[in-house]
Amino acid sequence: MTPISGAWNSTMKHRHILVLILSLLAVTASNASDPHCSHAGNTGDVDKVQNQRQLFNKAIINKDIRAIENVLHDEVILITGSDSDVYTGKEAQLALWSGEFSKPDRAVYVRTPACIRVSPILPVALEYGTWRGEKPDGAGSFAAGSYAAKWRMVDELWRLESEIFATEGCGGDFCPEGAGDD
């Protein structure tokens, strides 16, 4: 499955992306005065979201496509950190991960939450933190940055509904032509 690019074919997809971006900007702005954001909301739900994140990270490490599928919401949206490619829907993201897992020199990506906020009025949560993708060959090839994610409770389970990434550092063959290693 290829990412969406160019003109939007669906007003609904456009609205979802706009809502995602505005939500992430609002979270960032609301926490600008508190760079050491503590988790907020129902402690049990914060722990459940954090557990789902850990399951997702472990699934990436272990190339476990079924575990990834179990964490994703059916309408999940992913916006990549370097090119802002957009992947919509569970099937598109599973195809992306399957392609990554088939590469012999694949990178392993880990997201590390800094803050998880659970809404007191709706079954949603926002998470933000840092991410890093690194090739296991030890040659210093990596990409890293910040991310934000939105989770939704579906059938008593927190599902990953959207993620947006910003690439802020790189090394080795992850760096674009002309960029220095960080």
N, C-alpha and C. Protein backbone atom coordinates (compact mmCIF):
# COMPACT_ATOMS: atom_id res chain seq x y z
N MET A 1 0.85 -1.17 0.00
CA MET A 1 0.00 0.00 0.00
C MET A 1 0.90 1.23 0.00
N THR A 2 0.57 2.19 -0.79
CA THR A 2 1.38 3.40 -0.87
C THR A 2 0.75 4.50 -0.04
N PRO A 3 1.55 5.44 0.40
CA PRO A 3 1.01 6.54 1.20
C PRO A 3 0.16 7.46 0.34
N ILE A 4 -0.67 8.22 1.01
CA ILE A 4 -1.47 9.22 0.32
C ILE A 4 -0.57 10.40 0.03
N SER A 5 -0.61 10.93 -1.18
CA SER A 5 0.16 12.13 -1.50
C SER A 5 -0.63 12.96 -2.48
N GLY A 6 -0.23 14.22 -2.63
CA GLY A 6 -0.92 15.10 -3.56
C GLY A 6 -2.28 15.49 -3.04
N ALA A 7 -3.23 15.70 -3.94
CA ALA A 7 -4.57 16.14 -3.57
C ALA A 7 -5.31 15.03 -2.82
N TRP A 8 -6.11 15.44 -1.85
CA TRP A 8 -6.90 14.50 -1.07
C TRP A 8 -8.10 14.07 -1.88
N ASN A 9 -8.38 12.77 -1.89
CA ASN A 9 -9.55 12.24 -2.57
C ASN A 9 -10.77 12.26 -1.66
N SER A 10 -10.58 12.39 -0.40
CA SER A 10 -11.68 12.30 0.54
C SER A 10 -11.65 13.44 1.54
N THR A 11 -12.75 14.16 1.62
CA THR A 11 -12.86 15.24 2.59
C THR A 11 -12.74 14.69 4.00
N MET A 12 -13.28 13.50 4.23
CA MET A 12 -13.24 12.90 5.57
C MET A 12 -11.80 12.64 5.99
N LYS A 13 -10.97 12.11 5.12
CA LYS A 13 -9.56 11.87 5.46
C LYS A 13 -8.89 13.19 5.79
N HIS A 14 -9.17 14.21 5.02
CA HIS A 14 -8.58 15.51 5.25
C HIS A 14 -8.99 16.02 6.63
N ARG A 15 -10.26 15.88 6.98
CA ARG A 15 -10.72 16.32 8.30
C ARG A 15 -10.02 15.56 9.41
N HIS A 16 -9.83 14.24 9.24
CA HIS A 16 -9.15 13.45 10.26
C HIS A 16 -7.72 13.95 10.47
N ILE A 17 -7.03 14.22 9.39
CA ILE A 17 -5.65 14.71 9.50
C ILE A 17 -5.63 16.08 10.15
N LEU A 18 -6.53 16.96 9.75
CA LEU A 18 -6.59 18.30 10.34
C LEU A 18 -6.87 18.21 11.84
N VAL A 19 -7.82 17.38 12.23
CA VAL A 19 -8.13 17.21 13.65
C VAL A 19 -6.91 16.66 14.39
N LEU A 20 -6.22 15.70 13.80
CA LEU A 20 -5.02 15.13 14.42
C LEU A 20 -3.97 16.22 14.63
N ILE A 21 -3.69 16.97 13.61
CA ILE A 21 -2.66 18.01 13.72
C ILE A 21 -3.03 19.06 14.75
N LEU A 22 -4.28 19.52 14.71
CA LEU A 22 -4.72 20.52 15.69
C LEU A 22 -4.68 19.98 17.11
N SER A 23 -5.06 18.72 17.29
CA SER A 23 -5.01 18.10 18.62
C SER A 23 -3.59 18.02 19.14
N LEU A 24 -2.68 17.63 18.26
CA LEU A 24 -1.28 17.51 18.68
C LEU A 24 -0.68 18.87 19.00
N LEU A 25 -1.04 19.88 18.23
CA LEU A 25 -0.58 21.24 18.53
C LEU A 25 -1.13 21.71 19.86
N ALA A 26 -2.39 21.40 20.15
CA ALA A 26 -3.00 21.80 21.41
C ALA A 26 -2.30 21.13 22.59
N VAL A 27 -1.98 19.85 22.46
CA VAL A 27 -1.28 19.15 23.54
C VAL A 27 0.09 19.76 23.77
N THR A 28 0.80 20.00 22.68
CA THR A 28 2.13 20.60 22.80
C THR A 28 2.05 21.98 23.45
N ALA A 29 1.08 22.80 23.01
CA ALA A 29 0.93 24.14 23.56
C ALA A 29 0.54 24.09 25.04
N SER A 30 -0.36 23.16 25.41
CA SER A 30 -0.81 23.08 26.80
C SER A 30 0.30 22.62 27.73
N ASN A 31 1.31 21.95 27.19
CA ASN A 31 2.40 21.46 28.02
C ASN A 31 3.68 22.26 27.85
N ALA A 32 3.60 23.35 27.06
CA ALA A 32 4.80 24.16 26.81
C ALA A 32 5.38 24.71 28.10
N SER A 33 4.52 25.02 29.08
CA SER A 33 5.02 25.57 30.33
C SER A 33 5.49 24.47 31.28
N ASP A 34 5.24 23.22 30.97
CA ASP A 34 5.61 22.10 31.81
C ASP A 34 6.40 21.07 31.00
N PRO A 35 7.70 21.30 30.78
CA PRO A 35 8.47 20.38 29.95
C PRO A 35 8.64 19.00 30.58
N HIS A 36 8.34 18.87 31.87
CA HIS A 36 8.45 17.58 32.55
C HIS A 36 7.06 17.05 32.86
N CYS A 37 6.22 17.04 31.85
CA CYS A 37 4.81 16.64 32.00
C CYS A 37 4.69 15.32 32.74
N SER A 38 3.84 15.32 33.73
CA SER A 38 3.56 14.06 34.41
C SER A 38 2.31 13.45 33.78
N HIS A 39 2.17 12.16 33.92
CA HIS A 39 1.00 11.48 33.39
C HIS A 39 -0.24 12.05 34.08
N ALA A 40 -1.33 12.14 33.34
CA ALA A 40 -2.54 12.73 33.88
C ALA A 40 -3.75 11.86 33.55
N GLY A 41 -4.73 11.89 34.42
CA GLY A 41 -5.95 11.14 34.21
C GLY A 41 -6.00 9.93 35.12
N ASN A 42 -6.93 9.04 34.86
CA ASN A 42 -7.10 7.82 35.62
C ASN A 42 -5.81 7.00 35.54
N THR A 43 -5.20 6.76 36.69
CA THR A 43 -3.92 6.05 36.74
C THR A 43 -4.00 4.68 36.08
N GLY A 44 -5.10 3.96 36.28
CA GLY A 44 -5.26 2.64 35.67
C GLY A 44 -5.25 2.73 34.16
N ASP A 45 -5.93 3.74 33.60
CA ASP A 45 -5.95 3.91 32.15
C ASP A 45 -4.60 4.36 31.61
N VAL A 46 -3.90 5.22 32.35
CA VAL A 46 -2.56 5.63 31.93
C VAL A 46 -1.67 4.39 31.85
N ASP A 47 -1.75 3.54 32.85
CA ASP A 47 -0.96 2.30 32.86
C ASP A 47 -1.33 1.40 31.69
N LYS A 48 -2.62 1.32 31.35
CA LYS A 48 -3.06 0.48 30.24
C LYS A 48 -2.55 1.02 28.90
N VAL A 49 -2.57 2.33 28.72
CA VAL A 49 -2.03 2.92 27.49
C VAL A 49 -0.53 2.64 27.42
N GLN A 50 0.16 2.84 28.52
CA GLN A 50 1.60 2.59 28.56
C GLN A 50 1.90 1.12 28.26
N ASN A 51 1.08 0.22 28.75
CA ASN A 51 1.26 -1.20 28.46
C ASN A 51 1.06 -1.48 26.98
N GLN A 52 0.06 -0.87 26.37
CA GLN A 52 -0.15 -1.04 24.93
C GLN A 52 1.05 -0.53 24.14
N ARG A 53 1.63 0.59 24.57
CA ARG A 53 2.83 1.12 23.90
C ARG A 53 3.96 0.12 24.02
N GLN A 54 4.15 -0.46 25.20
CA GLN A 54 5.21 -1.45 25.40
C GLN A 54 4.98 -2.67 24.51
N LEU A 55 3.73 -3.10 24.39
CA LEU A 55 3.41 -4.23 23.50
C LEU A 55 3.75 -3.90 22.05
N PHE A 56 3.44 -2.66 21.64
CA PHE A 56 3.73 -2.23 20.27
C PHE A 56 5.24 -2.21 20.03
N ASN A 57 6.01 -1.64 20.96
CA ASN A 57 7.47 -1.62 20.83
C ASN A 57 8.04 -3.03 20.75
N LYS A 58 7.55 -3.92 21.61
CA LYS A 58 8.02 -5.30 21.62
C LYS A 58 7.67 -6.00 20.30
N ALA A 59 6.48 -5.71 19.77
CA ALA A 59 6.06 -6.31 18.49
C ALA A 59 6.98 -5.88 17.35
N ILE A 60 7.42 -4.62 17.37
CA ILE A 60 8.34 -4.15 16.34
C ILE A 60 9.68 -4.89 16.46
N ILE A 61 10.18 -4.99 17.66
CA ILE A 61 11.45 -5.68 17.88
C ILE A 61 11.37 -7.14 17.41
N ASN A 62 10.24 -7.79 17.72
CA ASN A 62 10.08 -9.22 17.42
C ASN A 62 9.46 -9.51 16.06
N LYS A 63 9.23 -8.48 15.25
CA LYS A 63 8.60 -8.64 13.93
C LYS A 63 7.25 -9.35 14.05
N ASP A 64 6.48 -9.00 15.06
CA ASP A 64 5.21 -9.66 15.35
C ASP A 64 4.04 -8.86 14.78
N ILE A 65 3.70 -9.12 13.53
CA ILE A 65 2.66 -8.36 12.84
C ILE A 65 1.30 -8.53 13.51
N ARG A 66 1.02 -9.71 14.07
CA ARG A 66 -0.28 -9.95 14.74
C ARG A 66 -0.39 -9.11 16.00
N ALA A 67 0.68 -8.96 16.74
CA ALA A 67 0.65 -8.13 17.95
C ALA A 67 0.42 -6.67 17.57
N ILE A 68 1.06 -6.22 16.48
CA ILE A 68 0.83 -4.85 16.01
C ILE A 68 -0.64 -4.69 15.63
N GLU A 69 -1.17 -5.65 14.91
CA GLU A 69 -2.58 -5.60 14.49
C GLU A 69 -3.51 -5.46 15.69
N ASN A 70 -3.19 -6.13 16.79
CA ASN A 70 -4.04 -6.09 17.98
C ASN A 70 -4.00 -4.76 18.70
N VAL A 71 -2.99 -3.95 18.47
CA VAL A 71 -2.89 -2.64 19.12
C VAL A 71 -3.55 -1.56 18.27
N LEU A 72 -3.58 -1.73 16.96
CA LEU A 72 -4.06 -0.67 16.06
C LEU A 72 -5.58 -0.58 16.01
N HIS A 73 -6.07 0.65 15.93
CA HIS A 73 -7.47 0.95 15.66
C HIS A 73 -7.71 0.70 14.17
N ASP A 74 -8.90 0.30 13.78
CA ASP A 74 -9.20 0.04 12.37
C ASP A 74 -8.91 1.24 11.48
N GLU A 75 -9.15 2.44 11.98
CA GLU A 75 -8.99 3.67 11.19
C GLU A 75 -7.70 4.41 11.54
N VAL A 76 -6.67 3.71 11.98
CA VAL A 76 -5.42 4.32 12.41
C VAL A 76 -4.81 5.19 11.31
N ILE A 77 -4.18 6.28 11.73
CA ILE A 77 -3.50 7.20 10.82
C ILE A 77 -2.05 7.33 11.29
N LEU A 78 -1.11 7.24 10.35
CA LEU A 78 0.31 7.40 10.63
C LEU A 78 0.86 8.47 9.70
N ILE A 79 1.56 9.47 10.27
CA ILE A 79 2.26 10.48 9.48
C ILE A 79 3.74 10.34 9.80
N THR A 80 4.53 9.98 8.79
CA THR A 80 5.95 9.69 9.01
C THR A 80 6.74 10.95 9.35
N GLY A 81 7.91 10.74 9.94
CA GLY A 81 8.72 11.83 10.46
C GLY A 81 9.56 12.56 9.45
N SER A 82 9.94 11.93 8.37
CA SER A 82 10.86 12.58 7.43
C SER A 82 10.14 13.19 6.24
N ASP A 83 9.28 12.42 5.61
CA ASP A 83 8.62 12.88 4.39
C ASP A 83 7.16 13.24 4.59
N SER A 84 6.64 13.07 5.80
CA SER A 84 5.22 13.30 6.11
C SER A 84 4.30 12.48 5.22
N ASP A 85 4.76 11.27 4.87
CA ASP A 85 3.88 10.34 4.17
C ASP A 85 2.74 9.97 5.12
N VAL A 86 1.55 9.79 4.57
CA VAL A 86 0.37 9.49 5.38
C VAL A 86 -0.13 8.09 5.03
N TYR A 87 -0.31 7.26 6.06
CA TYR A 87 -0.86 5.92 5.90
C TYR A 87 -2.16 5.88 6.70
N THR A 88 -3.26 5.54 6.04
CA THR A 88 -4.55 5.50 6.72
C THR A 88 -5.10 4.08 6.73
N GLY A 89 -5.60 3.68 7.87
CA GLY A 89 -6.21 2.37 8.02
C GLY A 89 -5.23 1.32 8.49
N LYS A 90 -5.78 0.35 9.20
CA LYS A 90 -4.97 -0.74 9.76
C LYS A 90 -4.23 -1.53 8.68
N GLU A 91 -4.92 -1.83 7.58
CA GLU A 91 -4.29 -2.63 6.52
C GLU A 91 -3.08 -1.93 5.91
N ALA A 92 -3.18 -0.61 5.72
CA ALA A 92 -2.04 0.14 5.17
C ALA A 92 -0.85 0.09 6.12
N GLN A 93 -1.10 0.21 7.40
CA GLN A 93 0.01 0.19 8.35
C GLN A 93 0.60 -1.22 8.50
N LEU A 94 -0.25 -2.23 8.45
CA LEU A 94 0.26 -3.60 8.51
C LEU A 94 1.12 -3.92 7.29
N ALA A 95 0.73 -3.41 6.13
CA ALA A 95 1.53 -3.60 4.92
C ALA A 95 2.88 -2.89 5.07
N LEU A 96 2.87 -1.71 5.64
CA LEU A 96 4.11 -0.96 5.87
C LEU A 96 5.04 -1.76 6.79
N TRP A 97 4.51 -2.26 7.90
CA TRP A 97 5.34 -3.03 8.84
C TRP A 97 5.81 -4.33 8.22
N SER A 98 4.95 -5.01 7.48
CA SER A 98 5.36 -6.26 6.83
C SER A 98 6.53 -6.02 5.88
N GLY A 99 6.47 -4.91 5.13
CA GLY A 99 7.58 -4.55 4.24
C GLY A 99 8.86 -4.28 5.01
N GLU A 100 8.74 -3.56 6.12
CA GLU A 100 9.92 -3.27 6.96
C GLU A 100 10.51 -4.57 7.52
N PHE A 101 9.65 -5.47 7.98
CA PHE A 101 10.12 -6.70 8.61
C PHE A 101 10.83 -7.63 7.62
N SER A 102 10.55 -7.48 6.34
CA SER A 102 11.16 -8.35 5.33
C SER A 102 12.55 -7.88 4.92
N LYS A 103 12.96 -6.69 5.32
CA LYS A 103 14.27 -6.16 4.95
C LYS A 103 15.36 -6.76 5.85
N PRO A 104 16.45 -7.25 5.26
CA PRO A 104 17.51 -7.83 6.09
C PRO A 104 18.23 -6.78 6.95
N ASP A 105 18.24 -5.52 6.51
CA ASP A 105 18.93 -4.48 7.27
C ASP A 105 17.94 -3.51 7.90
N ARG A 106 16.79 -4.02 8.30
CA ARG A 106 15.72 -3.19 8.82
C ARG A 106 16.14 -2.47 10.09
N ALA A 107 15.52 -1.35 10.33
CA ALA A 107 15.72 -0.62 11.57
C ALA A 107 14.69 -1.07 12.59
N VAL A 108 15.04 -0.98 13.84
CA VAL A 108 14.12 -1.26 14.93
C VAL A 108 13.74 0.08 15.55
N TYR A 109 12.44 0.32 15.61
CA TYR A 109 11.92 1.60 16.11
C TYR A 109 11.34 1.42 17.50
N VAL A 110 11.67 2.35 18.40
CA VAL A 110 11.14 2.33 19.75
C VAL A 110 10.61 3.71 20.08
N ARG A 111 9.38 3.74 20.60
CA ARG A 111 8.79 4.98 21.08
C ARG A 111 8.88 4.99 22.60
N THR A 112 9.30 6.12 23.16
CA THR A 112 9.43 6.25 24.61
C THR A 112 8.52 7.38 25.08
N PRO A 113 7.40 7.05 25.73
CA PRO A 113 6.48 8.08 26.18
C PRO A 113 7.08 8.98 27.25
N ALA A 114 6.83 10.28 27.13
CA ALA A 114 7.18 11.24 28.17
C ALA A 114 5.94 11.64 28.94
N CYS A 115 4.78 11.58 28.28
CA CYS A 115 3.53 12.00 28.90
C CYS A 115 2.37 11.27 28.27
N ILE A 116 1.46 10.82 29.10
CA ILE A 116 0.20 10.23 28.65
C ILE A 116 -0.91 10.94 29.41
N ARG A 117 -1.84 11.50 28.67
CA ARG A 117 -2.98 12.20 29.29
C ARG A 117 -4.27 11.51 28.86
N VAL A 118 -5.03 11.04 29.83
CA VAL A 118 -6.31 10.39 29.58
C VAL A 118 -7.41 11.41 29.80
N SER A 119 -8.31 11.51 28.84
CA SER A 119 -9.43 12.46 28.95
C SER A 119 -10.37 12.03 30.08
N PRO A 120 -10.81 13.01 30.89
CA PRO A 120 -11.78 12.67 31.94
C PRO A 120 -13.21 12.59 31.40
N ILE A 121 -13.43 12.97 30.14
CA ILE A 121 -14.80 13.01 29.62
C ILE A 121 -15.06 12.10 28.43
N LEU A 122 -14.03 11.67 27.73
CA LEU A 122 -14.18 10.80 26.56
C LEU A 122 -13.18 9.65 26.65
N PRO A 123 -13.44 8.55 25.95
CA PRO A 123 -12.53 7.40 26.01
C PRO A 123 -11.33 7.58 25.07
N VAL A 124 -10.57 8.66 25.26
CA VAL A 124 -9.40 8.95 24.44
C VAL A 124 -8.24 9.35 25.34
N ALA A 125 -7.04 9.18 24.82
CA ALA A 125 -5.82 9.57 25.53
C ALA A 125 -4.82 10.09 24.52
N LEU A 126 -4.00 11.04 24.94
CA LEU A 126 -2.91 11.56 24.13
C LEU A 126 -1.59 11.19 24.79
N GLU A 127 -0.63 10.86 23.95
CA GLU A 127 0.70 10.46 24.41
C GLU A 127 1.71 11.24 23.59
N TYR A 128 2.77 11.70 24.22
CA TYR A 128 3.87 12.22 23.44
C TYR A 128 5.19 11.83 24.09
N GLY A 129 6.22 11.83 23.25
CA GLY A 129 7.52 11.42 23.74
C GLY A 129 8.56 11.47 22.63
N THR A 130 9.55 10.61 22.74
CA THR A 130 10.62 10.55 21.75
C THR A 130 10.65 9.17 21.10
N TRP A 131 11.20 9.12 19.92
CA TRP A 131 11.33 7.85 19.20
C TRP A 131 12.74 7.75 18.64
N ARG A 132 13.13 6.51 18.35
CA ARG A 132 14.44 6.26 17.74
C ARG A 132 14.35 5.00 16.90
N GLY A 133 14.85 5.08 15.70
CA GLY A 133 14.98 3.94 14.81
C GLY A 133 16.44 3.69 14.57
N GLU A 134 16.87 2.46 14.78
CA GLU A 134 18.31 2.16 14.69
C GLU A 134 18.51 0.83 14.00
N LYS A 135 19.52 0.79 13.15
CA LYS A 135 19.86 -0.48 12.51
C LYS A 135 20.74 -1.28 13.46
N PRO A 136 20.49 -2.59 13.54
CA PRO A 136 21.21 -3.41 14.52
C PRO A 136 22.67 -3.68 14.18
N ASP A 137 23.14 -3.22 13.03
CA ASP A 137 24.52 -3.52 12.64
C ASP A 137 25.56 -2.72 13.42
N GLY A 138 25.12 -1.75 14.22
CA GLY A 138 26.04 -0.98 15.04
C GLY A 138 26.86 0.03 14.27
N ALA A 139 26.50 0.32 13.03
CA ALA A 139 27.27 1.25 12.21
C ALA A 139 26.86 2.72 12.44
N GLY A 140 26.05 2.97 13.42
CA GLY A 140 25.67 4.35 13.72
C GLY A 140 24.55 4.90 12.85
N SER A 141 23.86 4.03 12.15
CA SER A 141 22.74 4.48 11.33
C SER A 141 21.48 4.55 12.19
N PHE A 142 20.94 5.76 12.34
CA PHE A 142 19.74 5.94 13.15
C PHE A 142 18.98 7.17 12.70
N ALA A 143 17.74 7.23 13.09
CA ALA A 143 16.91 8.43 12.98
C ALA A 143 16.17 8.55 14.30
N ALA A 144 15.91 9.78 14.74
CA ALA A 144 15.27 9.98 16.04
C ALA A 144 14.52 11.30 16.04
N GLY A 145 13.63 11.44 17.00
CA GLY A 145 12.89 12.68 17.12
C GLY A 145 11.77 12.60 18.14
N SER A 146 10.74 13.40 17.90
CA SER A 146 9.59 13.48 18.78
C SER A 146 8.37 12.90 18.09
N TYR A 147 7.39 12.50 18.88
CA TYR A 147 6.14 11.98 18.32
C TYR A 147 4.99 12.34 19.25
N ALA A 148 3.79 12.26 18.70
CA ALA A 148 2.57 12.36 19.49
C ALA A 148 1.62 11.29 18.97
N ALA A 149 0.83 10.74 19.87
CA ALA A 149 -0.11 9.67 19.51
C ALA A 149 -1.44 9.89 20.21
N LYS A 150 -2.50 9.44 19.56
CA LYS A 150 -3.83 9.47 20.15
C LYS A 150 -4.33 8.04 20.26
N TRP A 151 -4.88 7.72 21.41
CA TRP A 151 -5.42 6.39 21.69
C TRP A 151 -6.92 6.51 21.92
N ARG A 152 -7.66 5.43 21.61
CA ARG A 152 -9.10 5.39 21.85
C ARG A 152 -9.45 4.04 22.47
N MET A 153 -10.29 4.07 23.50
CA MET A 153 -10.76 2.85 24.13
C MET A 153 -11.85 2.25 23.24
N VAL A 154 -11.63 1.00 22.81
CA VAL A 154 -12.58 0.27 21.98
C VAL A 154 -12.74 -1.11 22.59
N ASP A 155 -13.96 -1.47 22.96
CA ASP A 155 -14.23 -2.78 23.55
C ASP A 155 -13.29 -3.09 24.71
N GLU A 156 -13.15 -2.12 25.61
CA GLU A 156 -12.34 -2.27 26.83
C GLU A 156 -10.84 -2.38 26.59
N LEU A 157 -10.37 -1.99 25.39
CA LEU A 157 -8.94 -2.05 25.08
C LEU A 157 -8.51 -0.74 24.42
N TRP A 158 -7.40 -0.20 24.87
CA TRP A 158 -6.86 1.01 24.26
C TRP A 158 -6.25 0.66 22.91
N ARG A 159 -6.70 1.35 21.86
CA ARG A 159 -6.22 1.13 20.50
C ARG A 159 -5.53 2.40 20.00
N LEU A 160 -4.43 2.21 19.30
CA LEU A 160 -3.69 3.32 18.71
C LEU A 160 -4.47 3.86 17.52
N GLU A 161 -4.88 5.14 17.62
CA GLU A 161 -5.72 5.74 16.59
C GLU A 161 -4.92 6.62 15.63
N SER A 162 -3.87 7.26 16.12
CA SER A 162 -3.06 8.09 15.22
C SER A 162 -1.70 8.36 15.84
N GLU A 163 -0.71 8.54 14.95
CA GLU A 163 0.64 8.91 15.36
C GLU A 163 1.20 9.89 14.34
N ILE A 164 1.95 10.86 14.84
CA ILE A 164 2.66 11.80 13.97
C ILE A 164 4.08 11.95 14.52
N PHE A 165 5.04 11.95 13.62
CA PHE A 165 6.44 11.96 14.00
C PHE A 165 7.16 13.15 13.39
N ALA A 166 8.18 13.64 14.08
CA ALA A 166 9.10 14.64 13.54
C ALA A 166 10.51 14.08 13.70
N THR A 167 11.26 14.03 12.60
CA THR A 167 12.64 13.57 12.65
C THR A 167 13.51 14.76 13.02
N GLU A 168 14.30 14.60 14.09
CA GLU A 168 15.10 15.71 14.60
C GLU A 168 16.59 15.38 14.71
N GLY A 169 16.94 14.15 14.45
CA GLY A 169 18.34 13.76 14.50
C GLY A 169 18.56 12.53 13.63
N CYS A 170 19.79 12.36 13.16
CA CYS A 170 20.08 11.20 12.31
C CYS A 170 21.57 10.90 12.35
N GLY A 171 21.89 9.72 11.88
CA GLY A 171 23.27 9.29 11.76
C GLY A 171 23.38 8.28 10.63
N GLY A 172 24.55 8.22 10.00
CA GLY A 172 24.80 7.23 8.95
C GLY A 172 23.87 7.39 7.76
N ASP A 173 23.41 6.27 7.22
CA ASP A 173 22.61 6.33 6.00
C ASP A 173 21.17 6.75 6.23
N PHE A 174 20.80 7.08 7.47
CA PHE A 174 19.48 7.65 7.73
C PHE A 174 19.45 9.14 7.42
N CYS A 175 20.62 9.77 7.37
CA CYS A 175 20.67 11.21 7.13
C CYS A 175 20.45 11.53 5.66
N PRO A 176 19.65 12.56 5.39
CA PRO A 176 19.48 12.99 4.00
C PRO A 176 20.78 13.56 3.44
N GLU A 177 20.91 13.53 2.15
CA GLU A 177 22.09 14.07 1.47
C GLU A 177 22.37 15.49 1.97
N GLY A 178 23.59 15.75 2.40
CA GLY A 178 24.00 17.08 2.82
C GLY A 178 23.74 17.38 4.28
N ALA A 179 23.05 16.50 5.00
CA ALA A 179 22.78 16.74 6.43
C ALA A 179 23.93 16.16 7.24
N GLY A 180 24.32 16.86 8.26
CA GLY A 180 25.38 16.37 9.14
C GLY A 180 24.82 15.40 10.16
N ASP A 181 25.65 14.50 10.64
CA ASP A 181 25.23 13.58 11.69
C ASP A 181 25.06 14.34 12.99
N ASP A 182 24.04 13.97 13.75
CA ASP A 182 23.81 14.58 15.06
C ASP A 182 24.30 13.69 16.16
